[in-house]
Amino acid sequence: MKIAATPPPGHTSPLQKAAIQLEAAFLAELLKSAGVGESRDSFGGGIGEDQFASFLRQQHAGSLAQAGGIGLAESIFNALKERPDG
């Protein structure tokens, strides 16, 4: 019986998923501080735009993190996988 030493391509471990989610949360806060999703004075979308801006930021942040983000998820994953209790 042959057992693969590494997971198949496309497989994401629970630790990797958690690291990506943490990076996405960080990026969402970063985008919020940058003003992404805030309504503008002209061509604004009204009340609904303000209410759903956080959802837009979260989706943007999640997409960024899934695409590789800023490397934070990789750093978190590498730090946690080396821990004896991780």
PDB file of N, CA and C in Angstrom:
ATOM      1  N   MET A   1       0.844  -1.177   0.000  1.00  0.00           N
ATOM      2  CA  MET A   1       0.000   0.000   0.000  1.00  0.00           C
ATOM      3  C   MET A   1       0.889   1.240   0.000  1.00  0.00           C
ATOM      4  N   LYS A   2       0.588   2.165  -0.872  1.00  0.00           N
ATOM      5  CA  LYS A   2       1.376   3.388  -0.991  1.00  0.00           C
ATOM      6  C   LYS A   2       0.589   4.550  -0.394  1.00  0.00           C
ATOM      7  N   ILE A   3       1.203   5.261   0.536  1.00  0.00           N
ATOM      8  CA  ILE A   3       0.558   6.405   1.190  1.00  0.00           C
ATOM      9  C   ILE A   3       1.302   7.668   0.781  1.00  0.00           C
ATOM     10  N   ALA A   4       0.570   8.637   0.296  1.00  0.00           N
ATOM     11  CA  ALA A   4       1.173   9.901  -0.126  1.00  0.00           C
ATOM     12  C   ALA A   4       1.643  10.693   1.086  1.00  0.00           C
ATOM     13  N   ALA A   5       2.842  11.256   0.988  1.00  0.00           N
ATOM     14  CA  ALA A   5       3.399  12.043   2.085  1.00  0.00           C
ATOM     15  C   ALA A   5       2.772  13.428   2.156  1.00  0.00           C
ATOM     16  N   THR A   6       2.318  13.917   1.036  1.00  0.00           N
ATOM     17  CA  THR A   6       1.694  15.237   1.007  1.00  0.00           C
ATOM     18  C   THR A   6       0.269  15.099   0.496  1.00  0.00           C
ATOM     19  N   PRO A   7      -0.602  15.988   0.935  1.00  0.00           N
ATOM     20  CA  PRO A   7      -1.982  15.920   0.452  1.00  0.00           C
ATOM     21  C   PRO A   7      -2.048  16.217  -1.041  1.00  0.00           C
ATOM     22  N   PRO A   8      -3.066  15.725  -1.713  1.00  0.00           N
ATOM     23  CA  PRO A   8      -3.197  15.989  -3.146  1.00  0.00           C
ATOM     24  C   PRO A   8      -3.390  17.480  -3.418  1.00  0.00           C
ATOM     25  N   PRO A   9      -3.028  17.924  -4.622  1.00  0.00           N
ATOM     26  CA  PRO A   9      -3.215  19.339  -4.959  1.00  0.00           C
ATOM     27  C   PRO A   9      -4.676  19.747  -4.807  1.00  0.00           C
ATOM     28  N   GLY A  10      -4.875  20.930  -4.308  1.00  0.00           N
ATOM     29  CA  GLY A  10      -6.230  21.438  -4.123  1.00  0.00           C
ATOM     30  C   GLY A  10      -6.804  21.118  -2.760  1.00  0.00           C
ATOM     31  N   HIS A  11      -6.125  20.246  -2.001  1.00  0.00           N
ATOM     32  CA  HIS A  11      -6.595  19.899  -0.654  1.00  0.00           C
ATOM     33  C   HIS A  11      -6.135  20.978   0.322  1.00  0.00           C
ATOM     34  N   THR A  12      -7.050  21.463   1.130  1.00  0.00           N
ATOM     35  CA  THR A  12      -6.724  22.475   2.125  1.00  0.00           C
ATOM     36  C   THR A  12      -6.998  21.902   3.506  1.00  0.00           C
ATOM     37  N   SER A  13      -5.979  21.923   4.348  1.00  0.00           N
ATOM     38  CA  SER A  13      -6.139  21.396   5.703  1.00  0.00           C
ATOM     39  C   SER A  13      -6.965  22.367   6.544  1.00  0.00           C
ATOM     40  N   PRO A  14      -7.530  21.889   7.643  1.00  0.00           N
ATOM     41  CA  PRO A  14      -8.286  22.787   8.530  1.00  0.00           C
ATOM     42  C   PRO A  14      -7.437  23.956   9.043  1.00  0.00           C
ATOM     43  N   LEU A  15      -6.148  23.701   9.274  1.00  0.00           N
ATOM     44  CA  LEU A  15      -5.262  24.769   9.736  1.00  0.00           C
ATOM     45  C   LEU A  15      -5.069  25.822   8.646  1.00  0.00           C
ATOM     46  N   GLN A  16      -4.940  25.381   7.395  1.00  0.00           N
ATOM     47  CA  GLN A  16      -4.819  26.329   6.282  1.00  0.00           C
ATOM     48  C   GLN A  16      -6.094  27.148   6.126  1.00  0.00           C
ATOM     49  N   LYS A  17      -7.244  26.490   6.253  1.00  0.00           N
ATOM     50  CA  LYS A  17      -8.519  27.200   6.140  1.00  0.00           C
ATOM     51  C   LYS A  17      -8.648  28.259   7.226  1.00  0.00           C
ATOM     52  N   ALA A  18      -8.250  27.906   8.451  1.00  0.00           N
ATOM     53  CA  ALA A  18      -8.321  28.861   9.556  1.00  0.00           C
ATOM     54  C   ALA A  18      -7.387  30.040   9.321  1.00  0.00           C
ATOM     55  N   ALA A  19      -6.200  29.777   8.794  1.00  0.00           N
ATOM     56  CA  ALA A  19      -5.245  30.849   8.515  1.00  0.00           C
ATOM     57  C   ALA A  19      -5.785  31.781   7.431  1.00  0.00           C
ATOM     58  N   ILE A  20      -6.425  31.224   6.418  1.00  0.00           N
ATOM     59  CA  ILE A  20      -7.010  32.038   5.342  1.00  0.00           C
ATOM     60  C   ILE A  20      -8.163  32.878   5.879  1.00  0.00           C
ATOM     61  N   GLN A  21      -8.988  32.289   6.747  1.00  0.00           N
ATOM     62  CA  GLN A  21     -10.102  33.038   7.341  1.00  0.00           C
ATOM     63  C   GLN A  21      -9.590  34.178   8.214  1.00  0.00           C
ATOM     64  N   LEU A  22      -8.505  33.934   8.943  1.00  0.00           N
ATOM     65  CA  LEU A  22      -7.931  34.991   9.780  1.00  0.00           C
ATOM     66  C   LEU A  22      -7.380  36.118   8.916  1.00  0.00           C
ATOM     67  N   GLU A  23      -6.714  35.764   7.821  1.00  0.00           N
ATOM     68  CA  GLU A  23      -6.222  36.796   6.911  1.00  0.00           C
ATOM     69  C   GLU A  23      -7.385  37.572   6.301  1.00  0.00           C
ATOM     70  N   ALA A  24      -8.468  36.887   5.958  1.00  0.00           N
ATOM     71  CA  ALA A  24      -9.639  37.559   5.389  1.00  0.00           C
ATOM     72  C   ALA A  24     -10.234  38.546   6.388  1.00  0.00           C
ATOM     73  N   ALA A  25     -10.294  38.160   7.664  1.00  0.00           N
ATOM     74  CA  ALA A  25     -10.816  39.069   8.691  1.00  0.00           C
ATOM     75  C   ALA A  25      -9.916  40.294   8.823  1.00  0.00           C
ATOM     76  N   PHE A  26      -8.602  40.076   8.784  1.00  0.00           N
ATOM     77  CA  PHE A  26      -7.655  41.192   8.854  1.00  0.00           C
ATOM     78  C   PHE A  26      -7.823  42.113   7.648  1.00  0.00           C
ATOM     79  N   LEU A  27      -7.925  41.516   6.461  1.00  0.00           N
ATOM     80  CA  LEU A  27      -8.082  42.324   5.249  1.00  0.00           C
ATOM     81  C   LEU A  27      -9.396  43.097   5.248  1.00  0.00           C
ATOM     82  N   ALA A  28     -10.456  42.519   5.808  1.00  0.00           N
ATOM     83  CA  ALA A  28     -11.740  43.221   5.890  1.00  0.00           C
ATOM     84  C   ALA A  28     -11.599  44.478   6.742  1.00  0.00           C
ATOM     85  N   GLU A  29     -10.894  44.365   7.853  1.00  0.00           N
ATOM     86  CA  GLU A  29     -10.670  45.542   8.701  1.00  0.00           C
ATOM     87  C   GLU A  29      -9.773  46.560   8.005  1.00  0.00           C
ATOM     88  N   LEU A  30      -8.796  46.069   7.264  1.00  0.00           N
ATOM     89  CA  LEU A  30      -7.911  46.952   6.511  1.00  0.00           C
ATOM     90  C   LEU A  30      -8.697  47.718   5.445  1.00  0.00           C
ATOM     91  N   LEU A  31      -9.581  47.009   4.742  1.00  0.00           N
ATOM     92  CA  LEU A  31     -10.415  47.658   3.726  1.00  0.00           C
ATOM     93  C   LEU A  31     -11.384  48.655   4.352  1.00  0.00           C
ATOM     94  N   LYS A  32     -11.887  48.329   5.536  1.00  0.00           N
ATOM     95  CA  LYS A  32     -12.791  49.247   6.240  1.00  0.00           C
ATOM     96  C   LYS A  32     -12.056  50.539   6.591  1.00  0.00           C
ATOM     97  N   SER A  33     -10.824  50.407   7.092  1.00  0.00           N
ATOM     98  CA  SER A  33     -10.031  51.592   7.433  1.00  0.00           C
ATOM     99  C   SER A  33      -9.686  52.415   6.201  1.00  0.00           C
ATOM    100  N   ALA A  34      -9.556  51.731   5.067  1.00  0.00           N
ATOM    101  CA  ALA A  34      -9.237  52.425   3.819  1.00  0.00           C
ATOM    102  C   ALA A  34     -10.455  53.106   3.208  1.00  0.00           C
ATOM    103  N   GLY A  35     -11.639  52.813   3.741  1.00  0.00           N
ATOM    104  CA  GLY A  35     -12.846  53.466   3.249  1.00  0.00           C
ATOM    105  C   GLY A  35     -13.553  52.725   2.134  1.00  0.00           C
ATOM    106  N   VAL A  36     -13.172  51.475   1.886  1.00  0.00           N
ATOM    107  CA  VAL A  36     -13.834  50.696   0.839  1.00  0.00           C
ATOM    108  C   VAL A  36     -15.264  50.397   1.268  1.00  0.00           C
ATOM    109  N   GLY A  37     -16.210  50.683   0.408  1.00  0.00           N
ATOM    110  CA  GLY A  37     -17.612  50.424   0.694  1.00  0.00           C
ATOM    111  C   GLY A  37     -18.357  51.598   1.293  1.00  0.00           C
ATOM    112  N   GLU A  38     -17.660  52.689   1.588  1.00  0.00           N
ATOM    113  CA  GLU A  38     -18.347  53.870   2.119  1.00  0.00           C
ATOM    114  C   GLU A  38     -19.087  54.565   0.986  1.00  0.00           C
ATOM    115  N   SER A  39     -20.256  55.087   1.306  1.00  0.00           N
ATOM    116  CA  SER A  39     -21.028  55.775   0.273  1.00  0.00           C
ATOM    117  C   SER A  39     -20.388  57.123  -0.035  1.00  0.00           C
ATOM    118  N   ARG A  40     -20.499  57.494  -1.284  1.00  0.00           N
ATOM    119  CA  ARG A  40     -19.945  58.772  -1.733  1.00  0.00           C
ATOM    120  C   ARG A  40     -21.077  59.790  -1.818  1.00  0.00           C
ATOM    121  N   ASP A  41     -20.700  61.047  -1.865  1.00  0.00           N
ATOM    122  CA  ASP A  41     -21.707  62.101  -1.931  1.00  0.00           C
ATOM    123  C   ASP A  41     -22.493  62.048  -3.240  1.00  0.00           C
ATOM    124  N   SER A  42     -21.809  61.786  -4.332  1.00  0.00           N
ATOM    125  CA  SER A  42     -22.507  61.714  -5.612  1.00  0.00           C
ATOM    126  C   SER A  42     -22.577  60.264  -6.074  1.00  0.00           C
ATOM    127  N   PHE A  43     -23.652  59.917  -6.710  1.00  0.00           N
ATOM    128  CA  PHE A  43     -23.888  58.571  -7.229  1.00  0.00           C
ATOM    129  C   PHE A  43     -23.922  57.515  -6.133  1.00  0.00           C
ATOM    130  N   GLY A  44     -24.328  57.896  -4.944  1.00  0.00           N
ATOM    131  CA  GLY A  44     -24.423  56.941  -3.842  1.00  0.00           C
ATOM    132  C   GLY A  44     -25.638  56.054  -4.002  1.00  0.00           C
ATOM    133  N   GLY A  45     -25.618  54.906  -3.321  1.00  0.00           N
ATOM    134  CA  GLY A  45     -26.703  53.951  -3.443  1.00  0.00           C
ATOM    135  C   GLY A  45     -27.745  54.077  -2.357  1.00  0.00           C
ATOM    136  N   GLY A  46     -27.680  55.101  -1.527  1.00  0.00           N
ATOM    137  CA  GLY A  46     -28.689  55.306  -0.499  1.00  0.00           C
ATOM    138  C   GLY A  46     -28.440  54.502   0.761  1.00  0.00           C
ATOM    139  N   ILE A  47     -29.513  54.308   1.512  1.00  0.00           N
ATOM    140  CA  ILE A  47     -29.431  53.644   2.810  1.00  0.00           C
ATOM    141  C   ILE A  47     -28.934  52.208   2.675  1.00  0.00           C
ATOM    142  N   GLY A  48     -29.409  51.501   1.688  1.00  0.00           N
ATOM    143  CA  GLY A  48     -29.023  50.104   1.495  1.00  0.00           C
ATOM    144  C   GLY A  48     -27.535  49.924   1.298  1.00  0.00           C
ATOM    145  N   GLU A  49     -26.925  50.886   0.627  1.00  0.00           N
ATOM    146  CA  GLU A  49     -25.487  50.796   0.389  1.00  0.00           C
ATOM    147  C   GLU A  49     -24.730  50.812   1.709  1.00  0.00           C
ATOM    148  N   ASP A  50     -25.118  51.683   2.613  1.00  0.00           N
ATOM    149  CA  ASP A  50     -24.453  51.755   3.909  1.00  0.00           C
ATOM    150  C   ASP A  50     -24.679  50.485   4.725  1.00  0.00           C
ATOM    151  N   GLN A  51     -25.881  49.932   4.639  1.00  0.00           N
ATOM    152  CA  GLN A  51     -26.204  48.744   5.430  1.00  0.00           C
ATOM    153  C   GLN A  51     -25.463  47.502   4.957  1.00  0.00           C
ATOM    154  N   PHE A  52     -25.191  47.399   3.673  1.00  0.00           N
ATOM    155  CA  PHE A  52     -24.578  46.190   3.133  1.00  0.00           C
ATOM    156  C   PHE A  52     -23.107  46.366   2.773  1.00  0.00           C
ATOM    157  N   ALA A  53     -22.517  47.498   3.111  1.00  0.00           N
ATOM    158  CA  ALA A  53     -21.115  47.747   2.788  1.00  0.00           C
ATOM    159  C   ALA A  53     -20.192  46.734   3.460  1.00  0.00           C
ATOM    160  N   SER A  54     -20.535  46.314   4.681  1.00  0.00           N
ATOM    161  CA  SER A  54     -19.672  45.354   5.380  1.00  0.00           C
ATOM    162  C   SER A  54     -19.654  44.005   4.660  1.00  0.00           C
ATOM    163  N   PHE A  55     -20.785  43.611   4.064  1.00  0.00           N
ATOM    164  CA  PHE A  55     -20.822  42.356   3.313  1.00  0.00           C
ATOM    165  C   PHE A  55     -19.908  42.432   2.089  1.00  0.00           C
ATOM    166  N   LEU A  56     -19.925  43.582   1.432  1.00  0.00           N
ATOM    167  CA  LEU A  56     -19.071  43.778   0.266  1.00  0.00           C
ATOM    168  C   LEU A  56     -17.605  43.690   0.670  1.00  0.00           C
ATOM    169  N   ARG A  57     -17.247  44.353   1.768  1.00  0.00           N
ATOM    170  CA  ARG A  57     -15.859  44.304   2.253  1.00  0.00           C
ATOM    171  C   ARG A  57     -15.446  42.880   2.598  1.00  0.00           C
ATOM    172  N   GLN A  58     -16.328  42.137   3.258  1.00  0.00           N
ATOM    173  CA  GLN A  58     -16.008  40.755   3.628  1.00  0.00           C
ATOM    174  C   GLN A  58     -15.791  39.886   2.394  1.00  0.00           C
ATOM    175  N   GLN A  59     -16.605  40.077   1.378  1.00  0.00           N
ATOM    176  CA  GLN A  59     -16.447  39.299   0.148  1.00  0.00           C
ATOM    177  C   GLN A  59     -15.150  39.660  -0.571  1.00  0.00           C
ATOM    178  N   HIS A  60     -14.850  40.951  -0.625  1.00  0.00           N
ATOM    179  CA  HIS A  60     -13.585  41.373  -1.238  1.00  0.00           C
ATOM    180  C   HIS A  60     -12.409  40.786  -0.467  1.00  0.00           C
ATOM    181  N   ALA A  61     -12.465  40.869   0.857  1.00  0.00           N
ATOM    182  CA  ALA A  61     -11.380  40.358   1.692  1.00  0.00           C
ATOM    183  C   ALA A  61     -11.233  38.846   1.530  1.00  0.00           C
ATOM    184  N   GLY A  62     -12.353  38.129   1.495  1.00  0.00           N
ATOM    185  CA  GLY A  62     -12.299  36.682   1.295  1.00  0.00           C
ATOM    186  C   GLY A  62     -11.700  36.309  -0.051  1.00  0.00           C
ATOM    187  N   SER A  63     -12.073  37.043  -1.076  1.00  0.00           N
ATOM    188  CA  SER A  63     -11.526  36.789  -2.412  1.00  0.00           C
ATOM    189  C   SER A  63     -10.030  37.071  -2.455  1.00  0.00           C
ATOM    190  N   LEU A  64      -9.630  38.159  -1.818  1.00  0.00           N
ATOM    191  CA  LEU A  64      -8.204  38.489  -1.757  1.00  0.00           C
ATOM    192  C   LEU A  64      -7.422  37.402  -1.031  1.00  0.00           C
ATOM    193  N   ALA A  65      -7.929  36.956   0.104  1.00  0.00           N
ATOM    194  CA  ALA A  65      -7.237  35.934   0.897  1.00  0.00           C
ATOM    195  C   ALA A  65      -7.152  34.614   0.133  1.00  0.00           C
ATOM    196  N   GLN A  66      -8.234  34.221  -0.552  1.00  0.00           N
ATOM    197  CA  GLN A  66      -8.228  32.976  -1.328  1.00  0.00           C
ATOM    198  C   GLN A  66      -7.236  33.041  -2.487  1.00  0.00           C
ATOM    199  N   ALA A  67      -7.020  34.231  -3.018  1.00  0.00           N
ATOM    200  CA  ALA A  67      -6.110  34.406  -4.148  1.00  0.00           C
ATOM    201  C   ALA A  67      -4.654  34.556  -3.718  1.00  0.00           C
ATOM    202  N   GLY A  68      -4.388  34.439  -2.434  1.00  0.00           N
ATOM    203  CA  GLY A  68      -3.011  34.557  -1.956  1.00  0.00           C
ATOM    204  C   GLY A  68      -2.815  35.723  -1.016  1.00  0.00           C
ATOM    205  N   GLY A  69      -3.715  36.678  -1.072  1.00  0.00           N
ATOM    206  CA  GLY A  69      -3.692  37.806  -0.144  1.00  0.00           C
ATOM    207  C   GLY A  69      -2.361  38.518  -0.074  1.00  0.00           C
ATOM    208  N   ILE A  70      -1.979  38.855   1.142  1.00  0.00           N
ATOM    209  CA  ILE A  70      -0.731  39.577   1.370  1.00  0.00           C
ATOM    210  C   ILE A  70       0.324  38.669   1.999  1.00  0.00           C
ATOM    211  N   GLY A  71       0.045  37.368   2.030  1.00  0.00           N
ATOM    212  CA  GLY A  71       0.989  36.407   2.592  1.00  0.00           C
ATOM    213  C   GLY A  71       0.823  36.161   4.074  1.00  0.00           C
ATOM    214  N   LEU A  72      -0.152  36.797   4.678  1.00  0.00           N
ATOM    215  CA  LEU A  72      -0.369  36.643   6.111  1.00  0.00           C
ATOM    216  C   LEU A  72      -0.822  35.227   6.455  1.00  0.00           C
ATOM    217  N   ALA A  73      -1.712  34.650   5.666  1.00  0.00           N
ATOM    218  CA  ALA A  73      -2.207  33.296   5.937  1.00  0.00           C
ATOM    219  C   ALA A  73      -1.067  32.284   5.895  1.00  0.00           C
ATOM    220  N   GLU A  74      -0.175  32.444   4.946  1.00  0.00           N
ATOM    221  CA  GLU A  74       0.963  31.526   4.842  1.00  0.00           C
ATOM    222  C   GLU A  74       1.869  31.643   6.064  1.00  0.00           C
ATOM    223  N   SER A  75       2.109  32.870   6.514  1.00  0.00           N
ATOM    224  CA  SER A  75       2.937  33.074   7.704  1.00  0.00           C
ATOM    225  C   SER A  75       2.286  32.478   8.943  1.00  0.00           C
ATOM    226  N   ILE A  76       0.986  32.682   9.084  1.00  0.00           N
ATOM    227  CA  ILE A  76       0.253  32.124  10.229  1.00  0.00           C
ATOM    228  C   ILE A  76       0.292  30.601  10.174  1.00  0.00           C
ATOM    229  N   PHE A  77       0.028  30.034   9.005  1.00  0.00           N
ATOM    230  CA  PHE A  77       0.031  28.582   8.845  1.00  0.00           C
ATOM    231  C   PHE A  77       1.396  27.998   9.196  1.00  0.00           C
ATOM    232  N   ASN A  78       2.464  28.588   8.663  1.00  0.00           N
ATOM    233  CA  ASN A  78       3.807  28.076   8.932  1.00  0.00           C
ATOM    234  C   ASN A  78       4.170  28.174  10.403  1.00  0.00           C
ATOM    235  N   ALA A  79       3.757  29.248  11.059  1.00  0.00           N
ATOM    236  CA  ALA A  79       4.049  29.406  12.487  1.00  0.00           C
ATOM    237  C   ALA A  79       3.285  28.381  13.324  1.00  0.00           C
ATOM    238  N   LEU A  80       2.036  28.121  12.967  1.00  0.00           N
ATOM    239  CA  LEU A  80       1.222  27.200  13.759  1.00  0.00           C
ATOM    240  C   LEU A  80       1.548  25.733  13.503  1.00  0.00           C
ATOM    241  N   LYS A  81       1.943  25.389  12.291  1.00  0.00           N
ATOM    242  CA  LYS A  81       2.225  23.980  12.001  1.00  0.00           C
ATOM    243  C   LYS A  81       3.503  23.511  12.686  1.00  0.00           C
ATOM    244  N   GLU A  82       4.380  24.439  13.046  1.00  0.00           N
ATOM    245  CA  GLU A  82       5.628  24.084  13.713  1.00  0.00           C
ATOM    246  C   GLU A  82       5.471  23.951  15.219  1.00  0.00           C
ATOM    247  N   ARG A  83       4.341  24.368  15.753  1.00  0.00           N
ATOM    248  CA  ARG A  83       4.108  24.261  17.196  1.00  0.00           C
ATOM    249  C   ARG A  83       3.885  22.809  17.581  1.00  0.00           C
ATOM    250  N   PRO A  84       4.429  22.389  18.722  1.00  0.00           N
ATOM    251  CA  PRO A  84       4.240  20.996  19.133  1.00  0.00           C
ATOM    252  C   PRO A  84       2.787  20.654  19.467  1.00  0.00           C
ATOM    253  N   ASP A  85       2.008  21.646  19.914  1.00  0.00           N
ATOM    254  CA  ASP A  85       0.604  21.383  20.250  1.00  0.00           C
ATOM    255  C   ASP A  85      -0.323  21.651  19.076  1.00  0.00           C
ATOM    256  N   GLY A  86       0.208  22.114  17.925  1.00  0.00           N
ATOM    257  CA  GLY A  86      -0.607  22.447  16.762  1.00  0.00           C
ATOM    258  C   GLY A  86      -0.663  21.309  15.846  1.00  0.00           C
TER     259      GLY A  86
END
